[in-house]
Every structure is written in structure tokens, then in C-alpha cells.
Amino acid sequence: MKSPVRDYLREVLDNLADDTDGAVADYIPELMNADPDVFGIALTTVDGRTHSVGDDETEFSIQSISKPFAYAAALTDRGFGSVASAVGVEPSGEAFNELSLEGDSRRPKNAMINAGAITTHSLLGPDTEQRVERALGFFSTLAGRRLSVSESVCRSELDTADRNLAIAHMLRNYGILDDEAHAVVEGYTTQCSVNVTARDLSVMGATLANAGVHPVSKERVLSRAVARQTLSVMASSGMYDAAGHWLTAVGIPAKSGVSGGLLGALPGQAGVGVFSPRLDSHGNSVRGVKVFERLSDDMGLHLMDVEPYGSSVLRDIRVVDGELIIELQGVIQFTGAENILDGLENDDSGTSTVVVDVGRVDRLSDVGRRMVLEGMRRLALDGRTVVLVDPDGVLPDPDFGDGRYPEVR
């Protein structure tokens, strides 16, 4: 059987192929030469499967889509406190190239606007060469292949970088930048000139969606905390002055770029990359936005449109041969663990042995693990024998916290 996912993406692409609204970016000479009809869509699940259609392997410069990944690298290298002292996390409600500084601290409001992105880039190393190599190397790790810089795009952007230079000089004047303004802008422009494809973006996005674990290599590239922080800022600020409408209408943390790329990362599910160069008045890909609107509506991918957690993790609870058998399944988070504990609290079977079977459990979150073990500990304190069935080791080292362990079958 052939998966229908790619067929669905093809249907979306074909449906939007004749949409010629918007125009290619005209303030960067090299981007004016882009073919406006190029169109590619790619979706990568957190399990590492990529479905793509159209011009999914056509390279284009990453532009502002580099911002969340540079922010993630800075958080990894410098720590949350250091980055927060230089760049805020509040939506600006303004266009990407506004100065948008906070009143007292003068730090940029967030890392998705140019002022914040320039500041973030400055945190990636002590000089231009090392900052560029850190960005390029990190982006390559996320994409799963060695990426390259478009020298022609970089030169074209540097020739028209007056506004970014002005922003950088202002940031240096306020003490936000330590390095020379021209050096930082040169490195930042190079970062924005890294070539990617729609497929690359979907894999990079899936790494964020997978809590920092690369979906293909299974390597932990980012800590869970860094991935969460990055996705949060993308959700609130990634689409600039259209961020509020985007979050309510589409509900997928996203970042756009003026070359026509659009990245989305839906936590726990997938990363999506789209490339279509015609832009709307906010600088976002017209067809890219419509692709995400379709995905959100058709496939229920809105961040706030979720099924209730926890109600299905308790697969069965029954008495067999004088033992209470508790079968668990799926992913156990807080609400699922609370449901399990409620089942234990209301048990009136009177059995002396309780068997907790996690053979069908995919994963327990940290809080889910602690809550289940605490429930087992309290059963033991009540004088009942607790037995664990865990053939796949999803609950390793099941210490009750007081030096006792369950029996294992």
C-alpha cells in the first residue's frame, strides 16, 4: 500500500499552484531574480518519515528562518540567563525590520525580529568566522547534511544592508552589542544566506517538534528545555506583526523568510517546510501561508485543537486469579498518570497483589513516571505486593524512592 499522505500534499500543492498573489522580495537584488512559480512542500514526522512534493529539493537562502535555530544555538552555548539579558521574549507587534527595543533595558523584544536576531548571532562566537561556522555547522546537523552559503545572495544583501547596519550601530550604542557593528551584520547576513530546501526545513522543524532529538539520526541535538523555549518564541513572534492572526487561525509555531520559505513545527508531531517566493504585505509566502491553513484545517494540526490526554492510558483493570491486573498503554503524562492513580484509589477488589503491566506503554514523561511509581509505593505501604511487567524497559530503575522496588515478571 502507498501512503496517502504524499497524495494529500500533492492535492494541496496542485490546488494552490495557480495562485499568483503577492510578489517576490524586491529590496534584495538577488532575490528579485527568483522564479516566482517554484513551489515545494515537505512534511517530516518526529519518527523520521518525510513526505514531499513539488520543488522540494530546490535550494533557496534560509533568510529569517535561520533566527529560531540561531536562537537555539545561543541558548545551548550561553545558557538561558545570558541570552535573556541580551534578548527578550515579548511579541513586538511590529514589522521584522523595526528597531523594537524595550524601554529600560534597551534589549530587543524578541529573537525573531532583526534587532533580536542580530544580537542573537553575536552570541554565537567571539568573531565573525567562528559565529558563521557555528551557525552553518548547527544548521547542517539539524538538516542532516552539509549545507552551503549562497555567496551571491550574501553579497547582494550586504550591498543593501543599511537598515541592519543602522540597527546594529544603535544596539552597540546601547551596549547590547560588544563587537563592531559591521562585523556582526556581515556574520548575520552570511547566516541568512545559508542554502536549504523545503525538505531540509521539514527535518529541522521536526527536530524542534521532537523535543530536540533529530528524527532521522535519533541524536539529541538540543535539550528539551531549549526546544521548548524556541518553539514558544516562534509561536508568539515568528510571524512578526501577523503572529496573533497566525496563532489563532493556523496554530502551528512557525517562522517565515523573505526568500519564500516557511517553516512550521508542531510539538510531538511533525515539521513542515514550504517554499514559494511570492510574499504578502507581512513578508510571508502567500502560498506557504495557505498550505499551513489547509494543513491546520484538514488535518487538525492546530496547537490548541487536541484530544483529551489521559483518558485512554488505562487500557484495562481487572481481577485474574486473585490478582488485580492494571494494563497501561500509550504515552503517560500528568493527566494520564492522574487517571491511573484515580483507578487505584477507587479499587475495592481487596486483592493482596497488584500487577502493573506497562508492556503497551510507549513512553512515560518525567512527571508521569514519578506519579506512577508513587502510586506503586503507596500500594506497597498498604501492605500489598506490587509486581511490574515491563518487557521493553519503559520504566527503568523503578525505585519507589525509599530503597524498595516492585517484583518484576
Protein backbone atom coordinates (compact mmCIF):
# COMPACT_ATOMS: atom_id res chain seq x y z
CA MET A 1 0.00 0.00 0.00
CA LYS A 2 1.20 3.52 -0.79
CA SER A 3 0.70 6.05 1.98
CA PRO A 4 -1.92 8.67 1.07
CA VAL A 5 0.00 11.46 2.87
CA ARG A 6 2.05 12.36 -0.17
CA ASP A 7 -1.07 12.25 -2.34
CA TYR A 8 -2.73 14.70 0.04
CA LEU A 9 0.26 17.06 -0.12
CA ARG A 10 0.16 16.81 -3.94
CA GLU A 11 -3.51 17.74 -3.88
CA VAL A 12 -2.76 20.81 -1.73
CA LEU A 13 0.11 21.85 -3.99
CA ASP A 14 -1.92 21.41 -7.19
CA ASN A 15 -4.85 23.30 -5.69
CA LEU A 16 -2.64 26.32 -4.91
CA ALA A 17 -0.35 26.18 -7.93
CA ASP A 18 -2.33 28.78 -9.88
CA ASP A 19 -2.38 31.27 -7.00
CA THR A 20 -0.20 34.17 -8.21
CA ASP A 21 -0.96 36.66 -5.43
CA GLY A 22 1.96 38.55 -3.89
CA ALA A 23 5.39 39.37 -5.28
CA VAL A 24 8.99 38.29 -4.77
CA ALA A 25 11.13 40.38 -2.42
CA ASP A 26 12.40 43.44 -4.28
CA TYR A 27 14.69 45.10 -1.75
CA ILE A 28 17.41 42.47 -2.11
CA PRO A 29 18.55 42.42 -5.77
CA GLU A 30 19.45 38.73 -5.84
CA LEU A 31 16.04 37.69 -4.51
CA MET A 32 14.34 39.67 -7.29
CA ASN A 33 15.66 37.04 -9.71
CA ALA A 34 13.81 34.18 -8.01
CA ASP A 35 11.43 32.09 -10.11
CA PRO A 36 8.04 33.06 -8.61
CA ASP A 37 6.40 29.80 -9.71
CA VAL A 38 8.67 27.44 -7.77
CA PHE A 39 6.61 25.57 -5.18
CA GLY A 40 7.57 22.73 -2.84
CA ILE A 41 6.06 21.17 0.28
CA ALA A 42 7.65 18.72 2.72
CA LEU A 43 6.45 17.17 5.97
CA THR A 44 8.66 15.14 8.31
CA THR A 45 7.21 13.23 11.25
CA VAL A 46 9.02 13.01 14.57
CA ASP A 47 9.58 9.33 13.70
CA GLY A 48 11.74 10.42 10.74
CA ARG A 49 9.48 9.83 7.73
CA THR A 50 9.48 12.60 5.11
CA HIS A 51 6.68 13.13 2.61
CA SER A 52 7.34 15.79 -0.02
CA VAL A 53 6.01 17.06 -3.34
CA GLY A 54 6.81 19.67 -5.98
CA ASP A 55 10.11 21.55 -5.91
CA ASP A 56 11.03 20.05 -2.56
CA GLU A 57 14.76 19.84 -3.34
CA THR A 58 15.17 23.31 -4.86
CA GLU A 59 17.65 25.29 -2.80
CA PHE A 60 16.97 28.82 -1.55
CA SER A 61 18.51 31.04 1.10
CA ILE A 62 17.16 30.40 4.58
CA GLN A 63 16.91 34.12 5.44
CA SER A 64 14.93 34.80 8.65
CA ILE A 65 14.10 31.13 9.13
CA SER A 66 17.64 30.97 10.49
CA LYS A 67 16.54 33.04 13.51
CA PRO A 68 14.95 30.33 15.69
CA PHE A 69 17.84 27.96 15.07
CA ALA A 70 20.47 30.58 15.85
CA TYR A 71 18.47 31.37 19.00
CA ALA A 72 18.51 27.68 19.94
CA ALA A 73 22.28 27.55 19.38
CA ALA A 74 22.81 30.66 21.53
CA LEU A 75 20.69 29.18 24.34
CA THR A 76 22.74 26.00 24.13
CA ASP A 77 26.09 27.80 24.11
CA ARG A 78 25.44 30.67 26.52
CA GLY A 79 22.61 29.48 28.73
CA PHE A 80 19.17 30.95 29.28
CA GLY A 81 20.24 33.72 31.63
CA SER A 82 22.92 35.13 29.38
CA VAL A 83 20.68 35.12 26.32
CA ALA A 84 17.76 36.63 28.26
CA SER A 85 19.94 39.52 29.39
CA ALA A 86 20.51 40.43 25.73
CA VAL A 87 17.22 39.46 24.01
CA GLY A 88 13.65 39.41 25.33
CA VAL A 89 10.75 37.10 24.54
CA GLU A 90 7.83 39.51 24.10
CA PRO A 91 5.99 39.91 20.76
CA SER A 92 6.79 43.26 19.18
CA GLY A 93 3.65 43.64 17.07
CA GLU A 94 5.83 45.40 14.52
CA ALA A 95 7.47 44.61 11.20
CA PHE A 96 10.61 42.49 11.20
CA ASN A 97 12.95 45.42 10.46
CA GLU A 98 11.75 47.82 13.15
CA LEU A 99 14.15 48.57 16.00
CA SER A 100 11.66 47.32 18.66
CA LEU A 101 13.69 47.73 21.84
CA GLU A 102 12.45 47.51 25.42
CA GLY A 103 12.27 50.77 27.33
CA ASP A 104 14.74 50.43 30.20
CA SER A 105 17.00 47.57 29.19
CA ARG A 106 17.14 48.55 25.51
CA ARG A 107 17.35 44.87 24.64
CA PRO A 108 15.45 43.73 21.51
CA LYS A 109 11.95 42.49 22.30
CA ASN A 110 12.49 39.03 20.81
CA ALA A 111 14.89 36.97 18.72
CA MET A 112 12.63 36.75 15.66
CA ILE A 113 12.88 40.44 14.66
CA ASN A 114 16.07 41.66 13.02
CA ALA A 115 17.34 43.55 16.07
CA GLY A 116 16.99 40.44 18.20
CA ALA A 117 18.40 38.15 15.53
CA ILE A 118 21.48 40.34 15.05
CA THR A 119 22.02 40.30 18.81
CA THR A 120 21.50 36.54 18.95
CA HIS A 121 24.01 35.98 16.16
CA SER A 122 26.59 37.98 18.11
CA LEU A 123 26.33 35.39 20.91
CA LEU A 124 27.45 32.50 18.70
CA GLY A 125 31.17 33.17 18.99
CA PRO A 126 33.97 35.69 19.55
CA ASP A 127 34.44 36.68 15.90
CA THR A 128 32.72 36.59 12.51
CA GLU A 129 34.36 33.39 11.28
CA GLN A 130 33.52 31.38 14.38
CA ARG A 131 29.97 32.72 14.54
CA VAL A 132 29.32 31.78 10.92
CA GLU A 133 30.82 28.34 11.34
CA ARG A 134 28.74 27.72 14.46
CA ALA A 135 25.55 28.65 12.60
CA LEU A 136 26.43 26.71 9.45
CA GLY A 137 27.54 23.64 11.38
CA PHE A 138 24.48 23.65 13.59
CA PHE A 139 22.06 24.14 10.70
CA SER A 140 23.79 21.30 8.86
CA THR A 141 23.39 18.97 11.85
CA LEU A 142 19.69 19.82 12.01
CA ALA A 143 19.20 19.27 8.28
CA GLY A 144 21.17 16.02 8.29
CA ARG A 145 23.52 17.12 5.51
CA ARG A 146 26.29 19.66 4.99
CA LEU A 147 24.75 22.95 3.90
CA SER A 148 26.44 25.76 1.99
CA VAL A 149 26.28 29.55 1.80
CA SER A 150 24.99 31.37 -1.28
CA GLU A 151 27.79 33.86 -1.85
CA SER A 152 25.76 35.77 -4.45
CA VAL A 153 22.83 36.27 -2.07
CA CYS A 154 25.21 37.24 0.73
CA ARG A 155 26.95 39.89 -1.39
CA SER A 156 23.61 41.22 -2.61
CA GLU A 157 22.29 41.54 0.94
CA LEU A 158 25.45 43.19 2.23
CA ASP A 159 25.21 45.77 -0.54
CA THR A 160 21.74 46.73 0.73
CA ALA A 161 22.27 46.19 4.48
CA ASP A 162 21.99 49.84 5.51
CA ARG A 163 18.99 49.31 7.78
CA ASN A 164 20.51 46.30 9.55
CA LEU A 165 23.76 48.25 9.94
CA ALA A 166 21.82 51.13 11.46
CA ILE A 167 20.11 48.73 13.87
CA ALA A 168 23.45 47.17 14.80
CA HIS A 169 25.04 50.57 15.43
CA MET A 170 22.12 51.51 17.66
CA LEU A 171 22.43 48.22 19.56
CA ARG A 172 26.15 48.85 20.04
CA ASN A 173 25.40 52.39 21.22
CA TYR A 174 23.09 50.95 23.89
CA GLY A 175 25.70 48.40 24.97
CA ILE A 176 23.76 45.38 23.65
CA LEU A 177 26.47 44.51 21.11
CA ASP A 178 30.09 44.22 22.21
CA ASP A 179 31.58 43.55 18.78
CA GLU A 180 31.92 46.01 15.91
CA ALA A 181 28.58 46.54 14.15
CA HIS A 182 29.80 45.82 10.61
CA ALA A 183 31.39 42.52 11.68
CA VAL A 184 28.20 41.32 13.37
CA VAL A 185 26.00 42.28 10.41
CA GLU A 186 28.36 40.55 8.00
CA GLY A 187 28.13 37.33 10.01
CA TYR A 188 24.38 37.63 10.43
CA THR A 189 23.92 38.21 6.69
CA THR A 190 26.02 35.13 5.95
CA GLN A 191 23.87 33.14 8.37
CA CYS A 192 20.77 34.24 6.44
CA SER A 193 22.39 33.21 3.14
CA VAL A 194 22.70 29.51 4.00
CA ASN A 195 21.00 27.40 1.32
CA VAL A 196 18.27 24.96 2.32
CA THR A 197 15.40 23.07 0.69
CA ALA A 198 11.82 22.52 1.79
CA ARG A 199 12.86 19.01 2.82
CA ASP A 200 15.67 20.43 4.95
CA LEU A 201 13.26 22.77 6.70
CA SER A 202 10.83 19.96 7.47
CA VAL A 203 13.60 17.87 9.09
CA MET A 204 14.92 20.88 11.02
CA GLY A 205 11.41 21.65 12.20
CA ALA A 206 10.79 18.05 13.17
CA THR A 207 13.86 18.19 15.43
CA LEU A 208 12.26 21.05 17.35
CA ALA A 209 8.93 19.21 17.36
CA ASN A 210 10.68 16.11 18.69
CA ALA A 211 11.92 17.95 21.80
CA GLY A 212 15.41 18.39 20.33
CA VAL A 213 16.00 14.82 19.12
CA HIS A 214 16.84 14.54 15.41
CA PRO A 215 14.04 12.48 13.81
CA VAL A 216 16.36 10.56 11.48
CA SER A 217 19.67 10.16 13.33
CA LYS A 218 17.92 9.96 16.74
CA GLU A 219 20.74 12.14 18.10
CA ARG A 220 19.85 14.64 20.79
CA VAL A 221 20.78 17.92 19.12
CA LEU A 222 19.06 20.25 21.62
CA SER A 223 17.95 19.91 25.18
CA ARG A 224 14.23 19.57 25.76
CA ALA A 225 14.24 22.97 27.50
CA VAL A 226 15.92 24.73 24.56
CA ALA A 227 13.50 23.16 22.06
CA ARG A 228 10.54 24.24 24.19
CA GLN A 229 11.85 27.80 24.55
CA THR A 230 12.49 28.09 20.81
CA LEU A 231 9.05 26.80 19.88
CA SER A 232 7.44 29.16 22.37
CA VAL A 233 9.12 32.22 20.87
CA MET A 234 8.25 31.01 17.37
CA ALA A 235 4.60 30.68 18.40
CA SER A 236 4.42 34.19 19.81
CA SER A 237 6.70 36.10 17.44
CA GLY A 238 7.72 34.01 14.44
CA MET A 239 5.26 35.63 12.04
CA TYR A 240 6.07 39.22 13.10
CA ASP A 241 3.10 41.60 13.07
CA ALA A 242 0.86 38.79 11.77
CA ALA A 243 1.75 36.50 14.70
CA GLY A 244 -1.57 36.88 16.52
CA HIS A 245 -3.67 36.07 13.48
CA TRP A 246 -1.35 33.18 12.63
CA LEU A 247 -1.57 31.62 16.10
CA THR A 248 -5.36 31.81 16.18
CA ALA A 249 -6.02 30.80 12.57
CA VAL A 250 -3.22 28.26 11.99
CA GLY A 251 -1.91 27.41 15.45
CA ILE A 252 1.46 25.97 14.41
CA PRO A 253 4.71 27.56 15.71
CA ALA A 254 6.29 28.95 12.55
CA LYS A 255 8.94 31.16 11.01
CA SER A 256 8.96 32.80 7.60
CA GLY A 257 11.76 34.08 5.36
CA VAL A 258 11.72 36.70 2.62
CA SER A 259 13.09 34.27 0.05
CA GLY A 260 9.72 32.49 0.27
CA GLY A 261 10.45 29.77 2.78
CA LEU A 262 8.08 28.93 5.60
CA LEU A 263 8.88 26.60 8.50
CA GLY A 264 6.42 25.04 10.93
CA ALA A 265 6.99 22.75 13.90
CA LEU A 266 4.06 21.10 15.67
CA PRO A 267 5.24 19.71 19.04
CA GLY A 268 5.18 15.95 19.23
CA GLN A 269 4.02 15.50 15.65
CA ALA A 270 5.88 16.95 12.67
CA GLY A 271 7.96 19.61 11.00
CA VAL A 272 6.75 21.26 7.77
CA GLY A 273 8.71 23.17 5.16
CA VAL A 274 7.25 25.13 2.24
CA PHE A 275 8.96 27.14 -0.47
CA SER A 276 7.11 29.61 -2.69
CA PRO A 277 8.74 33.02 -3.33
CA ARG A 278 5.74 35.33 -3.72
CA LEU A 279 5.23 37.28 -0.47
CA ASP A 280 2.33 39.09 1.17
CA SER A 281 2.48 42.50 2.83
CA HIS A 282 3.94 40.98 6.01
CA GLY A 283 6.82 39.36 4.11
CA ASN A 284 5.36 35.84 4.37
CA SER A 285 4.96 33.39 1.48
CA VAL A 286 1.41 33.70 0.12
CA ARG A 287 1.08 30.09 -0.96
CA GLY A 288 3.07 28.95 2.07
CA VAL A 289 0.56 30.54 4.42
CA LYS A 290 -2.30 28.89 2.53
CA VAL A 291 -0.59 25.50 2.73
CA PHE A 292 -0.42 25.81 6.50
CA GLU A 293 -4.02 26.94 6.69
CA ARG A 294 -5.03 23.81 4.79
CA LEU A 295 -2.91 21.53 6.99
CA SER A 296 -4.35 23.09 10.13
CA ASP A 297 -7.96 22.78 8.94
CA ASP A 298 -7.81 19.46 7.11
CA MET A 299 -5.52 17.52 9.42
CA GLY A 300 -6.37 19.06 12.78
CA LEU A 301 -2.84 20.35 13.35
CA HIS A 302 -3.81 23.45 15.31
CA LEU A 303 -1.81 23.55 18.54
CA MET A 304 -4.94 24.23 20.58
CA ASP A 305 -7.06 21.57 18.87
CA VAL A 306 -6.06 18.49 20.85
CA GLU A 307 -7.70 15.32 22.07
CA PRO A 308 -8.06 14.90 25.86
CA TYR A 309 -4.92 13.42 27.38
CA GLY A 310 -5.06 10.56 29.84
CA SER A 311 -8.47 9.03 29.28
CA SER A 312 -7.11 6.13 27.23
CA VAL A 313 -3.87 5.22 29.06
CA LEU A 314 -5.69 2.89 31.45
CA ARG A 315 -6.31 0.08 28.99
CA ASP A 316 -7.90 -2.34 31.44
CA ILE A 317 -8.22 -3.04 35.15
CA ARG A 318 -9.46 -6.48 36.21
CA VAL A 319 -9.01 -9.28 38.74
CA VAL A 320 -7.45 -12.53 37.49
CA ASP A 321 -6.63 -15.46 39.80
CA GLY A 322 -6.79 -13.27 42.87
CA GLU A 323 -4.54 -10.54 41.43
CA LEU A 324 -5.50 -7.02 40.36
CA ILE A 325 -4.16 -6.57 36.82
CA ILE A 326 -3.67 -2.97 35.64
CA GLU A 327 -2.82 -2.69 31.93
CA LEU A 328 -1.44 0.67 30.76
CA GLN A 329 -0.83 1.93 27.24
CA GLY A 330 0.31 4.86 25.11
CA VAL A 331 2.17 7.90 26.38
CA ILE A 332 1.67 8.61 30.05
CA GLN A 333 1.83 12.28 31.02
CA PHE A 334 0.38 14.11 34.02
CA THR A 335 -3.30 13.67 33.20
CA GLY A 336 -2.82 10.04 32.22
CA ALA A 337 -0.96 9.29 35.45
CA GLU A 338 -3.69 11.08 37.42
CA ASN A 339 -6.25 8.83 35.75
CA ILE A 340 -4.24 5.76 36.76
CA LEU A 341 -3.95 6.94 40.37
CA ASP A 342 -7.69 7.57 40.46
CA GLY A 343 -8.27 3.97 39.35
CA LEU A 344 -6.01 2.71 42.14
CA GLU A 345 -7.65 4.95 44.74
CA ASN A 346 -11.09 3.64 43.87
CA ASP A 347 -10.07 -0.03 43.73
CA ASP A 348 -12.22 -2.13 46.05
CA SER A 349 -11.09 -5.57 44.84
CA GLY A 350 -9.35 -6.42 48.12
CA THR A 351 -6.57 -8.37 46.33
CA SER A 352 -3.21 -8.71 48.04
CA THR A 353 -1.25 -8.49 44.78
CA VAL A 354 -1.35 -5.69 42.21
CA VAL A 355 0.26 -6.27 38.79
CA VAL A 356 1.14 -3.13 36.81
CA ASP A 357 1.62 -4.07 33.14
CA VAL A 358 3.40 -1.40 31.04
CA GLY A 359 4.02 -3.69 28.07
CA ARG A 360 1.91 -1.47 25.80
CA VAL A 361 3.29 1.85 27.09
CA ASP A 362 5.31 3.83 24.56
CA ARG A 363 6.79 6.35 26.97
CA LEU A 364 6.33 7.98 30.35
CA SER A 365 7.06 11.66 30.82
CA ASP A 366 9.14 12.56 33.87
CA VAL A 367 6.09 13.54 35.88
CA GLY A 368 4.18 10.52 34.60
CA ARG A 369 6.97 8.21 35.75
CA ARG A 370 7.15 9.80 39.19
CA MET A 371 3.40 9.66 39.70
CA VAL A 372 3.08 6.01 38.67
CA LEU A 373 5.96 4.99 40.93
CA GLU A 374 4.45 6.95 43.81
CA GLY A 375 1.18 5.12 43.31
CA MET A 376 3.02 1.80 43.39
CA ARG A 377 4.88 2.89 46.54
CA ARG A 378 1.63 3.70 48.31
CA LEU A 379 0.20 0.31 47.35
CA ALA A 380 3.26 -1.29 48.96
CA LEU A 381 2.82 0.85 52.08
CA ASP A 382 -0.73 -0.52 52.29
CA GLY A 383 0.81 -4.00 52.57
CA ARG A 384 0.08 -5.16 49.04
CA THR A 385 2.58 -6.97 46.83
CA VAL A 386 3.37 -4.86 43.76
CA VAL A 387 4.51 -6.59 40.57
CA LEU A 388 5.82 -4.82 37.45
CA VAL A 389 5.53 -6.28 33.95
CA ASP A 390 7.88 -4.26 31.73
CA PRO A 391 9.22 -6.31 28.79
CA ASP A 392 10.59 -3.26 26.92
CA GLY A 393 12.12 -1.42 29.86
CA VAL A 394 9.99 1.71 29.55
CA LEU A 395 10.15 2.16 33.34
CA PRO A 396 13.85 1.60 34.09
CA ASP A 397 15.16 1.59 37.65
CA PRO A 398 11.67 1.51 39.22
CA ASP A 399 12.82 2.66 42.66
CA PHE A 400 9.91 3.69 44.88
CA GLY A 401 12.15 6.39 46.35
CA ASP A 402 12.66 4.64 49.68
CA GLY A 403 15.01 1.89 48.52
CA ARG A 404 12.26 -0.57 47.67
CA TYR A 405 11.43 -1.96 44.25
CA PRO A 406 8.47 -3.88 42.83
CA GLU A 407 8.74 -7.53 41.94
CA VAL A 408 9.43 -7.98 38.22
CA ARG A 409 7.86 -10.54 35.90
